[in-house]
Amino acid sequence: MTLEIRRTFYPMINCADPAASMEWLSKAFGFEPMNVYRDDGGAVVHAEMRYDTGLFMFGRGEPGTSAVYVAVDDPDAHHDRAKAAGAEIFRELADQDYGSRDYAARDLDGNEWYFGTYRP
C-alpha cells in the first residue's frame, strides 16, 4: 500500500542562475529535480527539487533571499482573512496559468509568504 503525502509548506529560494544552482544542488547535496519550467529562451524560471519526502521550489531572484509557499484549500477565504488582519498583500489573489489560485503577502517583519492551491 502506498501512502500519499499531502505536503503543505514549501520553502522557496532565489538563485542568480537557477540552471547552475539545480546542477550544483544535485551534485553537492543529492537533491533530485522533479519539475523544471523554462521560458521561451530555455532559461529555467521555476524548478522543484526533492530529497526523500521533502521538496523545495526555486527560481531566478535576488540570491540569498527566501520565502515560504503554503498550499491552502480555500485561497479566497485565506486572502480575505489576511487582508482583514492588516497583512501587506503585494500580489493580489489571481488564477495562475499553471492552475493555482494564489496571492502573496508580507508579515510584520517583511518576510514573504505565498498562499495558493498549487501542490507540487
PDB file of N, CA and C in Angstrom:
ATOM      1  N   MET A   1       0.843  -1.178   0.000  1.00  0.00           N
ATOM      2  CA  MET A   1       0.000   0.000   0.000  1.00  0.00           C
ATOM      3  C   MET A   1       0.894   1.250   0.000  1.00  0.00           C
ATOM      4  N   THR A   2       0.626   2.164  -0.906  1.00  0.00           N
ATOM      5  CA  THR A   2       1.389   3.406  -0.998  1.00  0.00           C
ATOM      6  C   THR A   2       0.665   4.502  -0.234  1.00  0.00           C
ATOM      7  N   LEU A   3       1.388   5.172   0.620  1.00  0.00           N
ATOM      8  CA  LEU A   3       0.830   6.268   1.403  1.00  0.00           C
ATOM      9  C   LEU A   3       1.066   7.568   0.655  1.00  0.00           C
ATOM     10  N   GLU A   4      -0.002   8.308   0.373  1.00  0.00           N
ATOM     11  CA  GLU A   4       0.124   9.590  -0.303  1.00  0.00           C
ATOM     12  C   GLU A   4       0.480  10.665   0.714  1.00  0.00           C
ATOM     13  N   ILE A   5       1.485  11.455   0.385  1.00  0.00           N
ATOM     14  CA  ILE A   5       1.906  12.547   1.256  1.00  0.00           C
ATOM     15  C   ILE A   5       1.247  13.827   0.782  1.00  0.00           C
ATOM     16  N   ARG A   6       0.536  14.481   1.679  1.00  0.00           N
ATOM     17  CA  ARG A   6      -0.092  15.755   1.352  1.00  0.00           C
ATOM     18  C   ARG A   6       0.750  16.842   1.989  1.00  0.00           C
ATOM     19  N   ARG A   7       1.625  17.446   1.194  1.00  0.00           N
ATOM     20  CA  ARG A   7       2.509  18.494   1.683  1.00  0.00           C
ATOM     21  C   ARG A   7       1.752  19.809   1.791  1.00  0.00           C
ATOM     22  N   THR A   8       2.194  20.659   2.698  1.00  0.00           N
ATOM     23  CA  THR A   8       1.562  21.952   2.883  1.00  0.00           C
ATOM     24  C   THR A   8       2.567  23.091   2.760  1.00  0.00           C
ATOM     25  N   PHE A   9       3.759  22.957   3.342  1.00  0.00           N
ATOM     26  CA  PHE A   9       4.766  24.013   3.340  1.00  0.00           C
ATOM     27  C   PHE A   9       5.875  23.691   2.349  1.00  0.00           C
ATOM     28  N   TYR A  10       6.255  24.692   1.542  1.00  0.00           N
ATOM     29  CA  TYR A  10       7.302  24.532   0.544  1.00  0.00           C
ATOM     30  C   TYR A  10       8.268  25.710   0.646  1.00  0.00           C
ATOM     31  N   PRO A  11       9.471  25.495   1.122  1.00  0.00           N
ATOM     32  CA  PRO A  11      10.456  26.585   1.121  1.00  0.00           C
ATOM     33  C   PRO A  11      10.740  27.012  -0.323  1.00  0.00           C
ATOM     34  N   MET A  12      10.992  28.293  -0.507  1.00  0.00           N
ATOM     35  CA  MET A  12      11.326  28.837  -1.819  1.00  0.00           C
ATOM     36  C   MET A  12      12.618  29.632  -1.700  1.00  0.00           C
ATOM     37  N   ILE A  13      13.565  29.358  -2.602  1.00  0.00           N
ATOM     38  CA  ILE A  13      14.815  30.112  -2.591  1.00  0.00           C
ATOM     39  C   ILE A  13      15.009  30.775  -3.948  1.00  0.00           C
ATOM     40  N   ASN A  14      15.771  31.858  -3.957  1.00  0.00           N
ATOM     41  CA  ASN A  14      16.082  32.583  -5.187  1.00  0.00           C
ATOM     42  C   ASN A  14      17.534  32.362  -5.567  1.00  0.00           C
ATOM     43  N   CYS A  15      17.778  32.263  -6.855  1.00  0.00           N
ATOM     44  CA  CYS A  15      19.118  31.991  -7.371  1.00  0.00           C
ATOM     45  C   CYS A  15      19.431  32.932  -8.531  1.00  0.00           C
ATOM     46  N   ALA A  16      20.695  33.312  -8.667  1.00  0.00           N
ATOM     47  CA  ALA A  16      21.109  34.137  -9.799  1.00  0.00           C
ATOM     48  C   ALA A  16      21.015  33.339 -11.096  1.00  0.00           C
ATOM     49  N   ASP A  17      21.355  32.056 -11.039  1.00  0.00           N
ATOM     50  CA  ASP A  17      21.330  31.179 -12.212  1.00  0.00           C
ATOM     51  C   ASP A  17      20.679  29.862 -11.797  1.00  0.00           C
ATOM     52  N   PRO A  18      19.340  29.755 -11.928  1.00  0.00           N
ATOM     53  CA  PRO A  18      18.651  28.552 -11.472  1.00  0.00           C
ATOM     54  C   PRO A  18      19.161  27.251 -12.098  1.00  0.00           C
ATOM     55  N   ALA A  19      19.538  27.276 -13.367  1.00  0.00           N
ATOM     56  CA  ALA A  19      20.022  26.044 -14.007  1.00  0.00           C
ATOM     57  C   ALA A  19      21.326  25.577 -13.361  1.00  0.00           C
ATOM     58  N   ALA A  20      22.255  26.509 -13.135  1.00  0.00           N
ATOM     59  CA  ALA A  20      23.521  26.153 -12.488  1.00  0.00           C
ATOM     60  C   ALA A  20      23.279  25.705 -11.052  1.00  0.00           C
ATOM     61  N   SER A  21      22.372  26.378 -10.361  1.00  0.00           N
ATOM     62  CA  SER A  21      22.065  26.002  -8.980  1.00  0.00           C
ATOM     63  C   SER A  21      21.473  24.603  -8.914  1.00  0.00           C
ATOM     64  N   MET A  22      20.580  24.293  -9.842  1.00  0.00           N
ATOM     65  CA  MET A  22      19.967  22.966  -9.858  1.00  0.00           C
ATOM     66  C   MET A  22      21.029  21.886 -10.046  1.00  0.00           C
ATOM     67  N   GLU A  23      21.942  22.109 -10.956  1.00  0.00           N
ATOM     68  CA  GLU A  23      23.019  21.151 -11.197  1.00  0.00           C
ATOM     69  C   GLU A  23      23.893  20.994  -9.953  1.00  0.00           C
ATOM     70  N   TRP A  24      24.263  22.109  -9.330  1.00  0.00           N
ATOM     71  CA  TRP A  24      25.127  22.077  -8.158  1.00  0.00           C
ATOM     72  C   TRP A  24      24.426  21.431  -6.968  1.00  0.00           C
ATOM     73  N   LEU A  25      23.152  21.785  -6.731  1.00  0.00           N
ATOM     74  CA  LEU A  25      22.405  21.215  -5.607  1.00  0.00           C
ATOM     75  C   LEU A  25      22.272  19.697  -5.745  1.00  0.00           C
ATOM     76  N   SER A  26      22.147  19.244  -6.973  1.00  0.00           N
ATOM     77  CA  SER A  26      22.076  17.806  -7.220  1.00  0.00           C
ATOM     78  C   SER A  26      23.421  17.139  -6.913  1.00  0.00           C
ATOM     79  N   LYS A  27      24.494  17.732  -7.423  1.00  0.00           N
ATOM     80  CA  LYS A  27      25.837  17.171  -7.233  1.00  0.00           C
ATOM     81  C   LYS A  27      26.282  17.240  -5.772  1.00  0.00           C
ATOM     82  N   ALA A  28      26.066  18.389  -5.126  1.00  0.00           N
ATOM     83  CA  ALA A  28      26.573  18.595  -3.768  1.00  0.00           C
ATOM     84  C   ALA A  28      25.725  17.927  -2.691  1.00  0.00           C
ATOM     85  N   PHE A  29      24.421  17.995  -2.813  1.00  0.00           N
ATOM     86  CA  PHE A  29      23.547  17.543  -1.736  1.00  0.00           C
ATOM     87  C   PHE A  29      22.670  16.346  -2.092  1.00  0.00           C
ATOM     88  N   GLY A  30      22.708  15.913  -3.341  1.00  0.00           N
ATOM     89  CA  GLY A  30      21.905  14.768  -3.742  1.00  0.00           C
ATOM     90  C   GLY A  30      20.446  15.080  -3.975  1.00  0.00           C
ATOM     91  N   PHE A  31      20.084  16.359  -4.131  1.00  0.00           N
ATOM     92  CA  PHE A  31      18.697  16.721  -4.423  1.00  0.00           C
ATOM     93  C   PHE A  31      18.358  16.286  -5.843  1.00  0.00           C
ATOM     94  N   GLU A  32      17.127  15.852  -6.053  1.00  0.00           N
ATOM     95  CA  GLU A  32      16.689  15.369  -7.360  1.00  0.00           C
ATOM     96  C   GLU A  32      15.705  16.353  -7.985  1.00  0.00           C
ATOM     97  N   PRO A  33      15.939  16.755  -9.244  1.00  0.00           N
ATOM     98  CA  PRO A  33      14.969  17.617  -9.925  1.00  0.00           C
ATOM     99  C   PRO A  33      13.652  16.866 -10.106  1.00  0.00           C
ATOM    100  N   MET A  34      12.559  17.567  -9.868  1.00  0.00           N
ATOM    101  CA  MET A  34      11.233  16.978 -10.091  1.00  0.00           C
ATOM    102  C   MET A  34      10.562  17.637 -11.289  1.00  0.00           C
ATOM    103  N   ASN A  35      10.355  18.937 -11.206  1.00  0.00           N
ATOM    104  CA  ASN A  35       9.730  19.701 -12.275  1.00  0.00           C
ATOM    105  C   ASN A  35      10.605  20.899 -12.595  1.00  0.00           C
ATOM    106  N   VAL A  36      10.788  21.145 -13.874  1.00  0.00           N
ATOM    107  CA  VAL A  36      11.589  22.280 -14.311  1.00  0.00           C
ATOM    108  C   VAL A  36      10.794  23.012 -15.393  1.00  0.00           C
ATOM    109  N   TYR A  37      10.591  24.305 -15.194  1.00  0.00           N
ATOM    110  CA  TYR A  37       9.847  25.115 -16.148  1.00  0.00           C
ATOM    111  C   TYR A  37      10.786  26.163 -16.735  1.00  0.00           C
ATOM    112  N   ARG A  38      10.775  26.265 -18.058  1.00  0.00           N
ATOM    113  CA  ARG A  38      11.684  27.165 -18.774  1.00  0.00           C
ATOM    114  C   ARG A  38      10.893  28.198 -19.570  1.00  0.00           C
ATOM    115  N   ASP A  39      11.522  29.352 -19.807  1.00  0.00           N
ATOM    116  CA  ASP A  39      10.896  30.360 -20.654  1.00  0.00           C
ATOM    117  C   ASP A  39      11.133  30.012 -22.120  1.00  0.00           C
ATOM    118  N   ASP A  40      10.659  30.851 -23.013  1.00  0.00           N
ATOM    119  CA  ASP A  40      10.789  30.576 -24.446  1.00  0.00           C
ATOM    120  C   ASP A  40      12.237  30.485 -24.896  1.00  0.00           C
ATOM    121  N   GLY A  41      13.153  31.130 -24.162  1.00  0.00           N
ATOM    122  CA  GLY A  41      14.571  31.074 -24.494  1.00  0.00           C
ATOM    123  C   GLY A  41      15.298  29.890 -23.878  1.00  0.00           C
ATOM    124  N   GLY A  42      14.583  29.073 -23.095  1.00  0.00           N
ATOM    125  CA  GLY A  42      15.182  27.896 -22.474  1.00  0.00           C
ATOM    126  C   GLY A  42      15.733  28.103 -21.081  1.00  0.00           C
ATOM    127  N   ALA A  43      15.647  29.342 -20.567  1.00  0.00           N
ATOM    128  CA  ALA A  43      16.145  29.617 -19.216  1.00  0.00           C
ATOM    129  C   ALA A  43      15.180  29.074 -18.160  1.00  0.00           C
ATOM    130  N   VAL A  44      15.718  28.504 -17.095  1.00  0.00           N
ATOM    131  CA  VAL A  44      14.893  27.990 -16.006  1.00  0.00           C
ATOM    132  C   VAL A  44      14.268  29.175 -15.259  1.00  0.00           C
ATOM    133  N   VAL A  45      12.934  29.175 -15.169  1.00  0.00           N
ATOM    134  CA  VAL A  45      12.239  30.235 -14.430  1.00  0.00           C
ATOM    135  C   VAL A  45      11.660  29.714 -13.118  1.00  0.00           C
ATOM    136  N   HIS A  46      11.456  28.408 -13.037  1.00  0.00           N
ATOM    137  CA  HIS A  46      10.931  27.788 -11.812  1.00  0.00           C
ATOM    138  C   HIS A  46      11.346  26.327 -11.838  1.00  0.00           C
ATOM    139  N   ALA A  47      11.759  25.824 -10.681  1.00  0.00           N
ATOM    140  CA  ALA A  47      12.117  24.411 -10.579  1.00  0.00           C
ATOM    141  C   ALA A  47      11.729  23.891  -9.206  1.00  0.00           C
ATOM    142  N   GLU A  48      11.562  22.595  -9.144  1.00  0.00           N
ATOM    143  CA  GLU A  48      11.250  21.926  -7.887  1.00  0.00           C
ATOM    144  C   GLU A  48      12.224  20.762  -7.748  1.00  0.00           C
ATOM    145  N   MET A  49      12.779  20.630  -6.549  1.00  0.00           N
ATOM    146  CA  MET A  49      13.701  19.533  -6.277  1.00  0.00           C
ATOM    147  C   MET A  49      13.256  18.831  -5.005  1.00  0.00           C
ATOM    148  N   ARG A  50      13.642  17.571  -4.890  1.00  0.00           N
ATOM    149  CA  ARG A  50      13.242  16.819  -3.701  1.00  0.00           C
ATOM    150  C   ARG A  50      14.431  16.093  -3.112  1.00  0.00           C
ATOM    151  N   TYR A  51      14.250  15.729  -1.860  1.00  0.00           N
ATOM    152  CA  TYR A  51      15.178  14.847  -1.152  1.00  0.00           C
ATOM    153  C   TYR A  51      14.319  14.048  -0.191  1.00  0.00           C
ATOM    154  N   ASP A  52      14.289  12.749  -0.350  1.00  0.00           N
ATOM    155  CA  ASP A  52      13.435  11.882   0.448  1.00  0.00           C
ATOM    156  C   ASP A  52      11.994  12.364   0.277  1.00  0.00           C
ATOM    157  N   THR A  53      11.299  12.723   1.352  1.00  0.00           N
ATOM    158  CA  THR A  53       9.926  13.204   1.231  1.00  0.00           C
ATOM    159  C   THR A  53       9.841  14.726   1.199  1.00  0.00           C
ATOM    160  N   GLY A  54      10.980  15.420   1.326  1.00  0.00           N
ATOM    161  CA  GLY A  54      10.986  16.882   1.318  1.00  0.00           C
ATOM    162  C   GLY A  54      11.045  17.443  -0.089  1.00  0.00           C
ATOM    163  N   LEU A  55      10.534  18.639  -0.242  1.00  0.00           N
ATOM    164  CA  LEU A  55      10.505  19.299  -1.541  1.00  0.00           C
ATOM    165  C   LEU A  55      10.667  20.796  -1.340  1.00  0.00           C
ATOM    166  N   PHE A  56      11.413  21.448  -2.245  1.00  0.00           N
ATOM    167  CA  PHE A  56      11.500  22.904  -2.224  1.00  0.00           C
ATOM    168  C   PHE A  56      11.424  23.414  -3.646  1.00  0.00           C
ATOM    169  N   MET A  57      11.116  24.710  -3.771  1.00  0.00           N
ATOM    170  CA  MET A  57      10.984  25.347  -5.073  1.00  0.00           C
ATOM    171  C   MET A  57      12.002  26.468  -5.171  1.00  0.00           C
ATOM    172  N   PHE A  58      12.412  26.789  -6.396  1.00  0.00           N
ATOM    173  CA  PHE A  58      13.321  27.909  -6.570  1.00  0.00           C
ATOM    174  C   PHE A  58      13.230  28.467  -7.978  1.00  0.00           C
ATOM    175  N   GLY A  59      13.767  29.659  -8.124  1.00  0.00           N
ATOM    176  CA  GLY A  59      13.775  30.313  -9.422  1.00  0.00           C
ATOM    177  C   GLY A  59      14.717  31.496  -9.393  1.00  0.00           C
ATOM    178  N   ARG A  60      14.651  32.299 -10.457  1.00  0.00           N
ATOM    179  CA  ARG A  60      15.528  33.456 -10.568  1.00  0.00           C
ATOM    180  C   ARG A  60      15.034  34.558  -9.637  1.00  0.00           C
ATOM    181  N   GLY A  61      15.952  35.133  -8.903  1.00  0.00           N
ATOM    182  CA  GLY A  61      15.625  36.221  -7.992  1.00  0.00           C
ATOM    183  C   GLY A  61      16.873  36.674  -7.279  1.00  0.00           C
ATOM    184  N   GLU A  62      16.699  37.519  -6.305  1.00  0.00           N
ATOM    185  CA  GLU A  62      17.845  38.030  -5.548  1.00  0.00           C
ATOM    186  C   GLU A  62      18.436  36.907  -4.707  1.00  0.00           C
ATOM    187  N   PRO A  63      19.674  36.485  -5.017  1.00  0.00           N
ATOM    188  CA  PRO A  63      20.285  35.387  -4.266  1.00  0.00           C
ATOM    189  C   PRO A  63      20.329  35.685  -2.761  1.00  0.00           C
ATOM    190  N   GLY A  64      20.136  34.646  -1.992  1.00  0.00           N
ATOM    191  CA  GLY A  64      20.185  34.787  -0.544  1.00  0.00           C
ATOM    192  C   GLY A  64      18.847  35.146   0.079  1.00  0.00           C
ATOM    193  N   THR A  65      17.842  35.397  -0.735  1.00  0.00           N
ATOM    194  CA  THR A  65      16.518  35.678  -0.185  1.00  0.00           C
ATOM    195  C   THR A  65      15.680  34.410  -0.302  1.00  0.00           C
ATOM    196  N   SER A  66      14.705  34.306   0.543  1.00  0.00           N
ATOM    197  CA  SER A  66      13.854  33.127   0.520  1.00  0.00           C
ATOM    198  C   SER A  66      12.451  33.498   0.960  1.00  0.00           C
ATOM    199  N   ALA A  67      11.541  32.571   0.793  1.00  0.00           N
ATOM    200  CA  ALA A  67      10.149  32.759   1.175  1.00  0.00           C
ATOM    201  C   ALA A  67       9.559  31.388   1.458  1.00  0.00           C
ATOM    202  N   VAL A  68       8.290  31.366   1.822  1.00  0.00           N
ATOM    203  CA  VAL A  68       7.600  30.100   2.057  1.00  0.00           C
ATOM    204  C   VAL A  68       6.306  30.116   1.253  1.00  0.00           C
ATOM    205  N   TYR A  69       6.054  29.008   0.556  1.00  0.00           N
ATOM    206  CA  TYR A  69       4.786  28.810  -0.140  1.00  0.00           C
ATOM    207  C   TYR A  69       3.971  27.846   0.712  1.00  0.00           C
ATOM    208  N   VAL A  70       2.701  28.189   0.940  1.00  0.00           N
ATOM    209  CA  VAL A  70       1.818  27.346   1.749  1.00  0.00           C
ATOM    210  C   VAL A  70       0.604  26.980   0.907  1.00  0.00           C
ATOM    211  N   ALA A  71       0.368  25.687   0.729  1.00  0.00           N
ATOM    212  CA  ALA A  71      -0.799  25.222  -0.012  1.00  0.00           C
ATOM    213  C   ALA A  71      -2.021  25.304   0.893  1.00  0.00           C
ATOM    214  N   VAL A  72      -3.060  25.962   0.411  1.00  0.00           N
ATOM    215  CA  VAL A  72      -4.313  26.113   1.163  1.00  0.00           C
ATOM    216  C   VAL A  72      -5.467  25.644   0.285  1.00  0.00           C
ATOM    217  N   ASP A  73      -6.520  25.163   0.911  1.00  0.00           N
ATOM    218  CA  ASP A  73      -7.659  24.653   0.156  1.00  0.00           C
ATOM    219  C   ASP A  73      -8.591  25.752  -0.333  1.00  0.00           C
ATOM    220  N   ASP A  74      -8.688  26.865   0.401  1.00  0.00           N
ATOM    221  CA  ASP A  74      -9.598  27.958   0.040  1.00  0.00           C
ATOM    222  C   ASP A  74      -8.831  29.281   0.043  1.00  0.00           C
ATOM    223  N   PRO A  75      -8.128  29.589  -1.054  1.00  0.00           N
ATOM    224  CA  PRO A  75      -7.305  30.794  -1.072  1.00  0.00           C
ATOM    225  C   PRO A  75      -8.112  32.087  -0.954  1.00  0.00           C
ATOM    226  N   ASP A  76      -9.349  32.084  -1.414  1.00  0.00           N
ATOM    227  CA  ASP A  76     -10.160  33.297  -1.315  1.00  0.00           C
ATOM    228  C   ASP A  76     -10.428  33.663   0.145  1.00  0.00           C
ATOM    229  N   ALA A  77     -10.860  32.683   0.926  1.00  0.00           N
ATOM    230  CA  ALA A  77     -11.120  32.929   2.351  1.00  0.00           C
ATOM    231  C   ALA A  77      -9.818  33.268   3.078  1.00  0.00           C
ATOM    232  N   HIS A  78      -8.743  32.581   2.712  1.00  0.00           N
ATOM    233  CA  HIS A  78      -7.447  32.836   3.351  1.00  0.00           C
ATOM    234  C   HIS A  78      -6.986  34.258   3.067  1.00  0.00           C
ATOM    235  N   HIS A  79      -7.104  34.695   1.823  1.00  0.00           N
ATOM    236  CA  HIS A  79      -6.746  36.053   1.412  1.00  0.00           C
ATOM    237  C   HIS A  79      -7.556  37.088   2.196  1.00  0.00           C
ATOM    238  N   ASP A  80      -8.869  36.861   2.264  1.00  0.00           N
ATOM    239  CA  ASP A  80      -9.739  37.817   2.960  1.00  0.00           C
ATOM    240  C   ASP A  80      -9.374  37.916   4.440  1.00  0.00           C
ATOM    241  N   ARG A  81      -9.060  36.805   5.054  1.00  0.00           N
ATOM    242  CA  ARG A  81      -8.662  36.803   6.470  1.00  0.00           C
ATOM    243  C   ARG A  81      -7.365  37.588   6.662  1.00  0.00           C
ATOM    244  N   ALA A  82      -6.364  37.322   5.796  1.00  0.00           N
ATOM    245  CA  ALA A  82      -5.084  38.019   5.900  1.00  0.00           C
ATOM    246  C   ALA A  82      -5.248  39.519   5.698  1.00  0.00           C
ATOM    247  N   LYS A  83      -6.032  39.894   4.708  1.00  0.00           N
ATOM    248  CA  LYS A  83      -6.258  41.314   4.418  1.00  0.00           C
ATOM    249  C   LYS A  83      -6.959  41.998   5.588  1.00  0.00           C
ATOM    250  N   ALA A  84      -7.953  41.331   6.162  1.00  0.00           N
ATOM    251  CA  ALA A  84      -8.681  41.892   7.309  1.00  0.00           C
ATOM    252  C   ALA A  84      -7.770  42.074   8.518  1.00  0.00           C
ATOM    253  N   ALA A  85      -6.749  41.227   8.631  1.00  0.00           N
ATOM    254  CA  ALA A  85      -5.805  41.326   9.749  1.00  0.00           C
ATOM    255  C   ALA A  85      -4.718  42.364   9.485  1.00  0.00           C
ATOM    256  N   GLY A  86      -4.743  42.986   8.306  1.00  0.00           N
ATOM    257  CA  GLY A  86      -3.777  44.029   8.000  1.00  0.00           C
ATOM    258  C   GLY A  86      -2.523  43.563   7.291  1.00  0.00           C
ATOM    259  N   ALA A  87      -2.532  42.339   6.744  1.00  0.00           N
ATOM    260  CA  ALA A  87      -1.361  41.848   6.008  1.00  0.00           C
ATOM    261  C   ALA A  87      -1.123  42.728   4.783  1.00  0.00           C
ATOM    262  N   GLU A  88       0.146  42.951   4.470  1.00  0.00           N
ATOM    263  CA  GLU A  88       0.508  43.701   3.268  1.00  0.00           C
ATOM    264  C   GLU A  88       0.437  42.732   2.080  1.00  0.00           C
ATOM    265  N   ILE A  89      -0.605  42.838   1.294  1.00  0.00           N
ATOM    266  CA  ILE A  89      -0.777  41.988   0.119  1.00  0.00           C
ATOM    267  C   ILE A  89       0.008  42.646  -1.018  1.00  0.00           C
ATOM    268  N   PHE A  90       1.073  41.984  -1.491  1.00  0.00           N
ATOM    269  CA  PHE A  90       1.855  42.591  -2.565  1.00  0.00           C
ATOM    270  C   PHE A  90       1.625  41.918  -3.910  1.00  0.00           C
ATOM    271  N   ARG A  91       0.921  40.814  -3.940  1.00  0.00           N
ATOM    272  CA  ARG A  91       0.451  40.215  -5.188  1.00  0.00           C
ATOM    273  C   ARG A  91      -0.968  39.744  -4.925  1.00  0.00           C
ATOM    274  N   GLU A  92      -1.910  40.399  -5.584  1.00  0.00           N
ATOM    275  CA  GLU A  92      -3.319  40.123  -5.334  1.00  0.00           C
ATOM    276  C   GLU A  92      -3.728  38.720  -5.756  1.00  0.00           C
ATOM    277  N   LEU A  93      -4.796  38.257  -5.170  1.00  0.00           N
ATOM    278  CA  LEU A  93      -5.365  36.943  -5.457  1.00  0.00           C
ATOM    279  C   LEU A  93      -5.706  36.841  -6.945  1.00  0.00           C
ATOM    280  N   ALA A  94      -5.219  35.787  -7.587  1.00  0.00           N
ATOM    281  CA  ALA A  94      -5.462  35.610  -9.023  1.00  0.00           C
ATOM    282  C   ALA A  94      -5.292  34.156  -9.425  1.00  0.00           C
ATOM    283  N   ASP A  95      -5.971  33.788 -10.504  1.00  0.00           N
ATOM    284  CA  ASP A  95      -5.787  32.470 -11.109  1.00  0.00           C
ATOM    285  C   ASP A  95      -4.507  32.508 -11.932  1.00  0.00           C
ATOM    286  N   GLN A  96      -3.676  31.481 -11.782  1.00  0.00           N
ATOM    287  CA  GLN A  96      -2.398  31.414 -12.488  1.00  0.00           C
ATOM    288  C   GLN A  96      -2.500  30.469 -13.680  1.00  0.00           C
ATOM    289  N   ASP A  97      -1.636  30.652 -14.675  1.00  0.00           N
ATOM    290  CA  ASP A  97      -1.686  29.806 -15.872  1.00  0.00           C
ATOM    291  C   ASP A  97      -1.294  28.359 -15.593  1.00  0.00           C
ATOM    292  N   TYR A  98      -0.667  28.088 -14.444  1.00  0.00           N
ATOM    293  CA  TYR A  98      -0.284  26.717 -14.102  1.00  0.00           C
ATOM    294  C   TYR A  98      -1.338  26.023 -13.233  1.00  0.00           C
ATOM    295  N   GLY A  99      -2.516  26.659 -13.094  1.00  0.00           N
ATOM    296  CA  GLY A  99      -3.635  26.012 -12.422  1.00  0.00           C
ATOM    297  C   GLY A  99      -3.879  26.406 -10.979  1.00  0.00           C
ATOM    298  N   SER A 100      -2.997  27.176 -10.391  1.00  0.00           N
ATOM    299  CA  SER A 100      -3.172  27.581  -8.996  1.00  0.00           C
ATOM    300  C   SER A 100      -3.982  28.865  -8.908  1.00  0.00           C
ATOM    301  N   ARG A 101      -4.604  29.050  -7.789  1.00  0.00           N
ATOM    302  CA  ARG A 101      -5.212  30.339  -7.438  1.00  0.00           C
ATOM    303  C   ARG A 101      -4.448  30.778  -6.215  1.00  0.00           C
ATOM    304  N   ASP A 102      -3.747  31.915  -6.290  1.00  0.00           N
ATOM    305  CA  ASP A 102      -2.889  32.285  -5.173  1.00  0.00           C
ATOM    306  C   ASP A 102      -2.699  33.787  -5.022  1.00  0.00           C
ATOM    307  N   TYR A 103      -2.052  34.143  -3.914  1.00  0.00           N
ATOM    308  CA  TYR A 103      -1.706  35.527  -3.609  1.00  0.00           C
ATOM    309  C   TYR A 103      -0.444  35.519  -2.770  1.00  0.00           C
ATOM    310  N   ALA A 104       0.134  36.708  -2.564  1.00  0.00           N
ATOM    311  CA  ALA A 104       1.352  36.815  -1.763  1.00  0.00           C
ATOM    312  C   ALA A 104       1.239  37.996  -0.807  1.00  0.00           C
ATOM    313  N   ALA A 105       1.818  37.814   0.396  1.00  0.00           N
ATOM    314  CA  ALA A 105       1.750  38.843   1.430  1.00  0.00           C
ATOM    315  C   ALA A 105       3.058  38.878   2.212  1.00  0.00           C
ATOM    316  N   ARG A 106       3.272  39.993   2.894  1.00  0.00           N
ATOM    317  CA  ARG A 106       4.414  40.121   3.797  1.00  0.00           C
ATOM    318  C   ARG A 106       3.910  40.124   5.234  1.00  0.00           C
ATOM    319  N   ASP A 107       4.699  39.511   6.111  1.00  0.00           N
ATOM    320  CA  ASP A 107       4.355  39.542   7.530  1.00  0.00           C
ATOM    321  C   ASP A 107       4.913  40.817   8.166  1.00  0.00           C
ATOM    322  N   LEU A 108       4.808  40.935   9.468  1.00  0.00           N
ATOM    323  CA  LEU A 108       5.224  42.151  10.170  1.00  0.00           C
ATOM    324  C   LEU A 108       6.709  42.461  10.006  1.00  0.00           C
ATOM    325  N   ASP A 109       7.526  41.420   9.738  1.00  0.00           N
ATOM    326  CA  ASP A 109       8.963  41.620   9.580  1.00  0.00           C
ATOM    327  C   ASP A 109       9.395  41.695   8.118  1.00  0.00           C
ATOM    328  N   GLY A 110       8.444  41.703   7.200  1.00  0.00           N
ATOM    329  CA  GLY A 110       8.759  41.806   5.785  1.00  0.00           C
ATOM    330  C   GLY A 110       9.027  40.480   5.097  1.00  0.00           C
ATOM    331  N   ASN A 111       8.879  39.357   5.808  1.00  0.00           N
ATOM    332  CA  ASN A 111       9.053  38.046   5.184  1.00  0.00           C
ATOM    333  C   ASN A 111       7.925  37.797   4.192  1.00  0.00           C
ATOM    334  N   GLU A 112       8.262  37.162   3.070  1.00  0.00           N
ATOM    335  CA  GLU A 112       7.266  36.903   2.039  1.00  0.00           C
ATOM    336  C   GLU A 112       6.625  35.526   2.226  1.00  0.00           C
ATOM    337  N   TRP A 113       5.298  35.529   2.124  1.00  0.00           N
ATOM    338  CA  TRP A 113       4.505  34.312   2.232  1.00  0.00           C
ATOM    339  C   TRP A 113       3.616  34.225   1.005  1.00  0.00           C
ATOM    340  N   TYR A 114       3.623  33.069   0.359  1.00  0.00           N
ATOM    341  CA  TYR A 114       2.787  32.822  -0.812  1.00  0.00           C
ATOM    342  C   TYR A 114       1.775  31.751  -0.435  1.00  0.00           C
ATOM    343  N   PHE A 115       0.508  31.976  -0.771  1.00  0.00           N
ATOM    344  CA  PHE A 115      -0.565  31.038  -0.425  1.00  0.00           C
ATOM    345  C   PHE A 115      -1.349  30.710  -1.688  1.00  0.00           C
ATOM    346  N   GLY A 116      -1.602  29.436  -1.920  1.00  0.00           N
ATOM    347  CA  GLY A 116      -2.370  29.049  -3.094  1.00  0.00           C
ATOM    348  C   GLY A 116      -2.718  27.578  -3.116  1.00  0.00           C
ATOM    349  N   THR A 117      -3.349  27.175  -4.184  1.00  0.00           N
ATOM    350  CA  THR A 117      -3.833  25.803  -4.299  1.00  0.00           C
ATOM    351  C   THR A 117      -2.835  24.856  -4.941  1.00  0.00           C
ATOM    352  N   TYR A 118      -1.726  25.383  -5.456  1.00  0.00           N
ATOM    353  CA  TYR A 118      -0.730  24.530  -6.124  1.00  0.00           C
ATOM    354  C   TYR A 118      -0.051  23.602  -5.123  1.00  0.00           C
ATOM    355  N   ARG A 119       0.011  22.333  -5.469  1.00  0.00           N
ATOM    356  CA  ARG A 119       0.731  21.334  -4.661  1.00  0.00           C
ATOM    357  C   ARG A 119       1.650  20.569  -5.605  1.00  0.00           C
ATOM    358  N   PRO A 120       2.957  20.905  -5.590  1.00  0.00           N
ATOM    359  CA  PRO A 120       3.897  20.203  -6.488  1.00  0.00           C
ATOM    360  C   PRO A 120       3.862  18.696  -6.322  1.00  0.00           C
TER     361      PRO A 120
END
